[in-house]
N, C-alpha and C. Protein backbone atom coordinates (compact mmCIF):
# COMPACT_ATOMS: atom_id res chain seq x y z
N MET A 1 -4.05 -5.95 -7.41
CA MET A 1 -3.83 -6.71 -8.98
C MET A 1 -2.95 -6.33 -9.74
N ILE A 2 -2.14 -6.86 -10.28
CA ILE A 2 -1.31 -6.03 -11.41
C ILE A 2 -1.27 -6.63 -12.74
N VAL A 3 -1.30 -6.15 -13.87
CA VAL A 3 -1.63 -6.08 -14.98
C VAL A 3 -0.15 -5.66 -15.81
N LEU A 4 -0.22 -6.88 -16.39
CA LEU A 4 1.35 -6.90 -17.14
C LEU A 4 1.25 -7.88 -18.98
N PRO A 5 1.72 -6.70 -19.85
CA PRO A 5 1.75 -7.06 -20.96
C PRO A 5 2.61 -8.52 -21.08
N ILE A 6 2.41 -9.57 -21.88
CA ILE A 6 3.22 -10.29 -22.52
C ILE A 6 2.96 -11.07 -24.22
N LYS A 7 3.97 -11.33 -24.33
CA LYS A 7 4.27 -11.72 -25.72
C LYS A 7 3.01 -13.20 -26.09
N ARG A 8 2.93 -13.44 -27.15
CA ARG A 8 2.07 -14.59 -27.43
C ARG A 8 2.31 -15.68 -27.10
N ILE A 9 3.87 -16.21 -27.46
CA ILE A 9 4.04 -17.43 -27.48
C ILE A 9 4.22 -17.66 -25.73
N TRP A 10 4.75 -17.03 -24.81
CA TRP A 10 5.15 -16.93 -23.47
C TRP A 10 3.55 -17.41 -22.86
N PHE A 11 2.28 -16.17 -23.12
CA PHE A 11 0.91 -16.45 -23.00
C PHE A 11 0.54 -17.67 -23.39
N ASP A 12 0.47 -18.66 -24.32
CA ASP A 12 0.09 -19.92 -24.71
C ASP A 12 0.95 -20.72 -24.22
N LYS A 13 1.78 -20.62 -23.74
CA LYS A 13 2.98 -21.62 -22.72
C LYS A 13 2.13 -21.70 -21.09
N ILE A 14 1.58 -20.21 -20.49
CA ILE A 14 1.20 -20.32 -19.37
C ILE A 14 -0.20 -20.86 -19.40
N LYS A 15 -0.52 -20.58 -20.83
CA LYS A 15 -1.86 -21.23 -20.91
C LYS A 15 -2.29 -22.82 -20.75
N SER A 16 -1.34 -22.81 -21.11
CA SER A 16 -1.03 -24.74 -21.17
C SER A 16 -0.19 -25.14 -20.32
N GLY A 17 0.02 -24.67 -19.16
CA GLY A 17 0.82 -25.17 -18.09
C GLY A 17 2.53 -25.44 -18.39
N GLU A 18 2.73 -25.54 -19.33
CA GLU A 18 3.73 -25.59 -19.42
C GLU A 18 4.81 -24.45 -18.90
N LYS A 19 4.52 -23.34 -18.80
CA LYS A 19 5.95 -22.05 -18.12
C LYS A 19 4.81 -21.82 -17.10
N LYS A 20 5.66 -22.19 -15.72
CA LYS A 20 5.49 -21.81 -14.75
C LYS A 20 6.21 -20.69 -13.81
N GLU A 21 7.01 -19.99 -14.84
CA GLU A 21 7.35 -18.96 -14.26
C GLU A 21 7.42 -17.48 -14.98
N GLU A 22 7.13 -16.39 -15.24
CA GLU A 22 7.30 -15.35 -15.89
C GLU A 22 8.43 -14.32 -15.54
N TYR A 23 8.95 -13.62 -16.40
CA TYR A 23 10.46 -12.64 -15.33
C TYR A 23 9.97 -11.03 -16.18
N ARG A 24 10.33 -10.36 -15.06
CA ARG A 24 10.61 -8.80 -15.26
C ARG A 24 11.68 -8.61 -15.06
N GLU A 25 12.14 -7.10 -15.63
CA GLU A 25 13.65 -6.82 -15.48
C GLU A 25 13.85 -6.52 -14.12
N PHE A 26 14.82 -6.59 -13.44
CA PHE A 26 15.24 -5.64 -11.84
C PHE A 26 15.09 -4.48 -12.32
N LYS A 27 13.80 -3.99 -12.57
CA LYS A 27 14.72 -2.44 -12.54
C LYS A 27 13.72 -1.60 -11.60
N GLU A 28 13.98 0.29 -11.40
CA GLU A 28 13.33 0.95 -10.79
C GLU A 28 11.54 0.32 -10.87
N TYR A 29 11.50 0.52 -12.07
CA TYR A 29 10.04 0.57 -12.24
C TYR A 29 9.31 -0.42 -11.79
N TYR A 30 9.60 -1.91 -11.92
CA TYR A 30 9.42 -3.17 -11.22
C TYR A 30 9.71 -2.94 -9.47
N HIS A 31 10.42 -2.29 -9.26
CA HIS A 31 10.74 -2.56 -7.60
C HIS A 31 9.40 -1.61 -6.82
N SER A 32 8.66 -0.69 -7.62
CA SER A 32 7.77 0.10 -6.99
C SER A 32 6.37 -1.08 -7.40
N ARG A 33 6.39 -1.62 -8.09
CA ARG A 33 5.49 -2.58 -8.34
C ARG A 33 5.01 -3.78 -7.34
N PHE A 34 6.18 -3.93 -7.22
CA PHE A 34 6.80 -5.58 -6.63
C PHE A 34 6.57 -5.34 -5.51
N LYS A 35 7.50 -4.40 -4.54
CA LYS A 35 8.20 -4.61 -3.52
C LYS A 35 7.21 -4.83 -2.27
N LYS A 36 5.42 -4.92 -2.60
CA LYS A 36 4.94 -4.80 -1.22
C LYS A 36 4.67 -6.25 -1.58
N TYR A 37 4.66 -7.24 -2.30
CA TYR A 37 4.28 -8.89 -2.74
C TYR A 37 5.75 -9.30 -2.76
N MET A 38 7.04 -8.63 -1.83
CA MET A 38 8.33 -9.57 -1.93
C MET A 38 7.91 -10.48 -0.37
N PRO A 39 9.03 -11.45 -0.29
CA PRO A 39 8.86 -12.38 0.55
C PRO A 39 8.82 -11.84 2.01
N LYS A 40 8.88 -11.84 2.99
CA LYS A 40 8.95 -11.48 4.66
C LYS A 40 9.32 -12.41 5.16
N ARG A 41 10.56 -12.03 6.33
CA ARG A 41 11.24 -12.83 7.23
C ARG A 41 10.07 -13.52 8.65
N VAL A 42 9.64 -14.30 8.89
CA VAL A 42 8.71 -14.87 9.57
C VAL A 42 9.92 -15.32 10.91
N GLY A 43 11.19 -15.79 10.67
CA GLY A 43 12.00 -16.21 11.69
C GLY A 43 13.48 -16.35 10.74
N PRO A 44 13.91 -17.04 11.70
CA PRO A 44 15.91 -16.92 11.30
C PRO A 44 15.31 -17.45 10.22
N HIS A 45 15.28 -18.58 9.67
CA HIS A 45 15.70 -19.22 8.57
C HIS A 45 14.37 -19.17 7.11
N GLU A 46 13.28 -18.83 7.95
CA GLU A 46 11.88 -18.69 7.33
C GLU A 46 11.59 -17.50 6.76
N TYR A 47 10.73 -17.72 5.70
CA TYR A 47 10.16 -16.58 4.95
C TYR A 47 8.50 -16.71 3.72
N ILE A 48 7.44 -15.51 4.17
CA ILE A 48 6.28 -16.18 3.76
C ILE A 48 6.43 -15.19 2.69
N ALA A 49 5.75 -15.51 1.49
CA ALA A 49 5.70 -15.01 0.22
C ALA A 49 4.39 -14.78 -0.05
N PRO A 50 3.39 -13.56 0.34
CA PRO A 50 2.32 -13.21 -0.09
C PRO A 50 1.92 -13.60 -1.74
N MET A 51 0.78 -13.83 -1.62
CA MET A 51 0.26 -14.18 -2.87
C MET A 51 -0.83 -12.90 -3.30
N PHE A 52 -0.53 -13.15 -4.52
CA PHE A 52 -1.81 -11.85 -5.21
C PHE A 52 -1.26 -12.49 -6.73
N GLU A 53 -2.77 -11.79 -7.05
CA GLU A 53 -3.36 -12.39 -8.84
C GLU A 53 -2.63 -10.87 -9.90
N VAL A 54 -2.06 -11.86 -10.78
CA VAL A 54 -1.94 -11.31 -11.84
C VAL A 54 -2.48 -11.21 -13.24
N VAL A 55 -2.74 -10.20 -14.10
CA VAL A 55 -3.01 -10.63 -15.35
C VAL A 55 -2.40 -10.37 -16.62
N PHE A 56 -1.91 -11.34 -16.56
CA PHE A 56 -0.70 -11.15 -18.63
C PHE A 56 -1.95 -11.22 -19.34
N ARG A 57 -1.21 -9.94 -20.01
CA ARG A 57 -2.44 -9.38 -21.52
C ARG A 57 -1.42 -9.37 -22.85
N ASN A 58 -2.03 -10.54 -23.74
CA ASN A 58 -1.16 -10.42 -25.01
C ASN A 58 -1.64 -9.32 -25.79
N GLY A 59 -1.06 -7.99 -25.49
CA GLY A 59 -1.15 -6.74 -26.50
C GLY A 59 -1.89 -6.08 -25.69
N TYR A 60 -2.24 -4.91 -25.94
CA TYR A 60 -2.51 -3.62 -25.21
C TYR A 60 -3.59 -2.90 -25.13
N GLU A 61 -5.05 -3.65 -26.18
CA GLU A 61 -5.84 -2.90 -25.74
C GLU A 61 -6.96 -3.90 -24.79
N HIS A 62 -7.94 -2.87 -24.77
CA HIS A 62 -9.01 -4.03 -23.30
C HIS A 62 -9.89 -4.96 -23.45
N ASN A 63 -9.40 -5.16 -24.90
CA ASN A 63 -10.21 -6.56 -25.23
C ASN A 63 -9.45 -7.70 -25.95
N SER A 64 -7.83 -7.48 -25.35
CA SER A 64 -6.77 -8.57 -26.03
C SER A 64 -7.07 -9.57 -25.13
N PRO A 65 -6.29 -10.77 -25.19
CA PRO A 65 -6.23 -11.96 -24.85
C PRO A 65 -6.15 -11.95 -23.18
N LYS A 66 -6.31 -12.51 -21.95
CA LYS A 66 -6.15 -12.40 -20.52
C LYS A 66 -5.81 -13.65 -19.91
N ILE A 67 -4.89 -13.91 -18.91
CA ILE A 67 -5.27 -15.01 -18.20
C ILE A 67 -4.92 -14.53 -17.11
N LYS A 68 -5.54 -14.47 -16.18
CA LYS A 68 -5.38 -14.28 -14.45
C LYS A 68 -4.94 -14.83 -14.27
N CYS A 69 -3.09 -15.22 -13.02
CA CYS A 69 -2.72 -15.90 -12.26
C CYS A 69 -2.75 -15.88 -10.73
N LYS A 70 -2.38 -16.65 -10.40
CA LYS A 70 -1.88 -16.40 -8.74
C LYS A 70 -0.78 -16.45 -8.98
N CYS A 71 0.17 -15.91 -8.41
CA CYS A 71 1.19 -15.92 -8.41
C CYS A 71 2.05 -15.36 -7.08
N ILE A 72 3.28 -15.65 -6.80
CA ILE A 72 4.24 -15.23 -5.88
C ILE A 72 5.56 -14.78 -6.16
N VAL A 73 6.28 -13.45 -5.74
CA VAL A 73 7.21 -13.03 -6.54
C VAL A 73 8.80 -13.40 -5.64
N ASP A 74 9.96 -13.58 -6.25
CA ASP A 74 11.15 -13.78 -6.54
C ASP A 74 12.11 -13.14 -7.00
N VAL A 75 13.24 -12.96 -6.51
CA VAL A 75 14.21 -12.23 -7.11
C VAL A 75 15.91 -13.45 -7.28
N GLY A 76 15.77 -13.74 -8.63
CA GLY A 76 17.40 -14.64 -8.94
C GLY A 76 16.81 -14.59 -10.40
N GLU A 77 17.82 -15.76 -11.13
CA GLU A 77 17.98 -15.91 -12.01
C GLU A 77 17.19 -16.79 -12.78
N GLY A 78 15.94 -16.63 -14.07
CA GLY A 78 15.40 -17.14 -14.41
C GLY A 78 15.73 -18.61 -15.68
N LYS A 79 15.33 -18.90 -16.21
CA LYS A 79 15.33 -20.33 -16.98
C LYS A 79 15.54 -19.67 -18.63
N GLN A 80 16.34 -20.69 -19.10
CA GLN A 80 16.71 -19.66 -20.66
C GLN A 80 15.70 -20.34 -20.97
N GLU A 81 15.27 -21.86 -21.29
CA GLU A 81 14.20 -22.13 -21.83
C GLU A 81 12.75 -20.88 -21.73
N TRP A 82 12.66 -20.56 -20.79
CA TRP A 82 11.24 -19.55 -20.24
C TRP A 82 11.69 -18.06 -20.83
N GLY A 83 12.87 -17.59 -21.87
CA GLY A 83 12.87 -16.61 -21.67
C GLY A 83 13.92 -15.73 -21.33
N ALA A 84 14.73 -16.27 -20.12
CA ALA A 84 15.52 -15.33 -19.52
C ALA A 84 16.64 -15.51 -19.91
N ILE A 85 17.37 -14.62 -19.97
CA ILE A 85 18.85 -14.42 -20.57
C ILE A 85 20.00 -14.70 -19.29
N PRO A 86 20.88 -15.89 -19.70
CA PRO A 86 21.50 -16.42 -18.04
C PRO A 86 22.66 -15.51 -17.70
N GLY A 87 22.80 -15.57 -16.71
CA GLY A 87 23.29 -14.29 -15.76
C GLY A 87 22.59 -12.96 -15.47
N GLN A 88 21.67 -12.74 -15.60
CA GLN A 88 21.30 -11.69 -15.74
C GLN A 88 19.58 -11.88 -14.39
N THR A 89 19.67 -10.88 -13.25
CA THR A 89 18.42 -11.02 -12.38
C THR A 89 17.37 -10.29 -12.74
N TYR A 90 16.14 -11.36 -12.36
CA TYR A 90 14.81 -10.87 -12.67
C TYR A 90 13.90 -10.70 -11.62
N TYR A 91 13.16 -10.30 -11.54
CA TYR A 91 11.78 -10.23 -10.51
C TYR A 91 11.27 -11.89 -11.35
N ILE A 92 10.85 -12.79 -10.50
CA ILE A 92 10.62 -14.41 -11.13
C ILE A 92 9.02 -14.10 -10.64
N LEU A 93 7.89 -14.54 -11.31
CA LEU A 93 6.29 -14.22 -10.99
C LEU A 93 6.43 -15.85 -10.90
N LYS A 94 6.71 -16.62 -10.03
CA LYS A 94 5.75 -17.67 -9.46
C LYS A 94 4.60 -17.97 -9.93
N ILE A 95 4.23 -18.95 -10.92
CA ILE A 95 2.86 -18.75 -11.33
C ILE A 95 1.98 -20.40 -10.53
N LEU A 96 1.20 -20.20 -9.54
CA LEU A 96 0.91 -21.31 -8.79
C LEU A 96 -0.64 -22.15 -9.16
N GLU A 97 -0.93 -20.99 -9.86
CA GLU A 97 -2.49 -21.19 -10.47
C GLU A 97 -3.21 -20.21 -11.69
N VAL A 98 -3.60 -20.74 -12.45
CA VAL A 98 -4.16 -20.12 -13.50
C VAL A 98 -5.59 -20.05 -13.20
N LEU A 99 -6.46 -18.68 -12.93
CA LEU A 99 -7.47 -18.75 -12.35
C LEU A 99 -8.15 -18.75 -13.53
N GLU A 100 -8.33 -17.79 -14.66
CA GLU A 100 -9.34 -17.80 -15.71
C GLU A 100 -8.52 -17.28 -17.00
N VAL A 101 -8.49 -17.88 -18.23
CA VAL A 101 -8.59 -17.49 -19.16
C VAL A 101 -9.43 -16.64 -20.09
N ARG A 102 -9.25 -15.28 -20.60
CA ARG A 102 -10.23 -14.68 -21.69
C ARG A 102 -9.81 -14.58 -22.97
N ASN A 103 -10.34 -15.08 -24.01
CA ASN A 103 -9.77 -14.55 -25.44
C ASN A 103 -10.62 -13.71 -26.11
N ASP A 104 -11.10 -12.29 -25.59
CA ASP A 104 -12.09 -11.40 -25.76
C ASP A 104 -11.25 -10.42 -27.60
N VAL A 105 -10.80 -11.18 -28.26
CA VAL A 105 -10.17 -10.96 -29.47
C VAL A 105 -11.46 -10.92 -30.21
N GLN A 106 -11.52 -9.98 -30.35
CA GLN A 106 -12.94 -9.39 -31.37
C GLN A 106 -12.81 -9.14 -32.90
N VAL A 107 -12.66 -9.61 -34.15
CA VAL A 107 -12.35 -9.49 -35.63
C VAL A 107 -12.97 -9.03 -36.01
């Protein structure tokens, strides 16, 4: 399972089901984190992308709000309305299912 920080606006859109992808920069830091989840060739024109769990955390504290999702990863350009910069390459975390939402913030 991978834990990633996320801004509140995107956290809320994933929680509501409006946002179906999350983007991470195409950099060495994420290469090492996502390489084992990249799609694998199983035929001449066929690929299988392994599913894995990602916890998106709104903040850096252990009790920050969290949303656990089942995802697959791909590489490409993201959607501007979901925070991507046009023409930039990203790791695209495609959200297949929201498994759990935890709002552990204590005041």
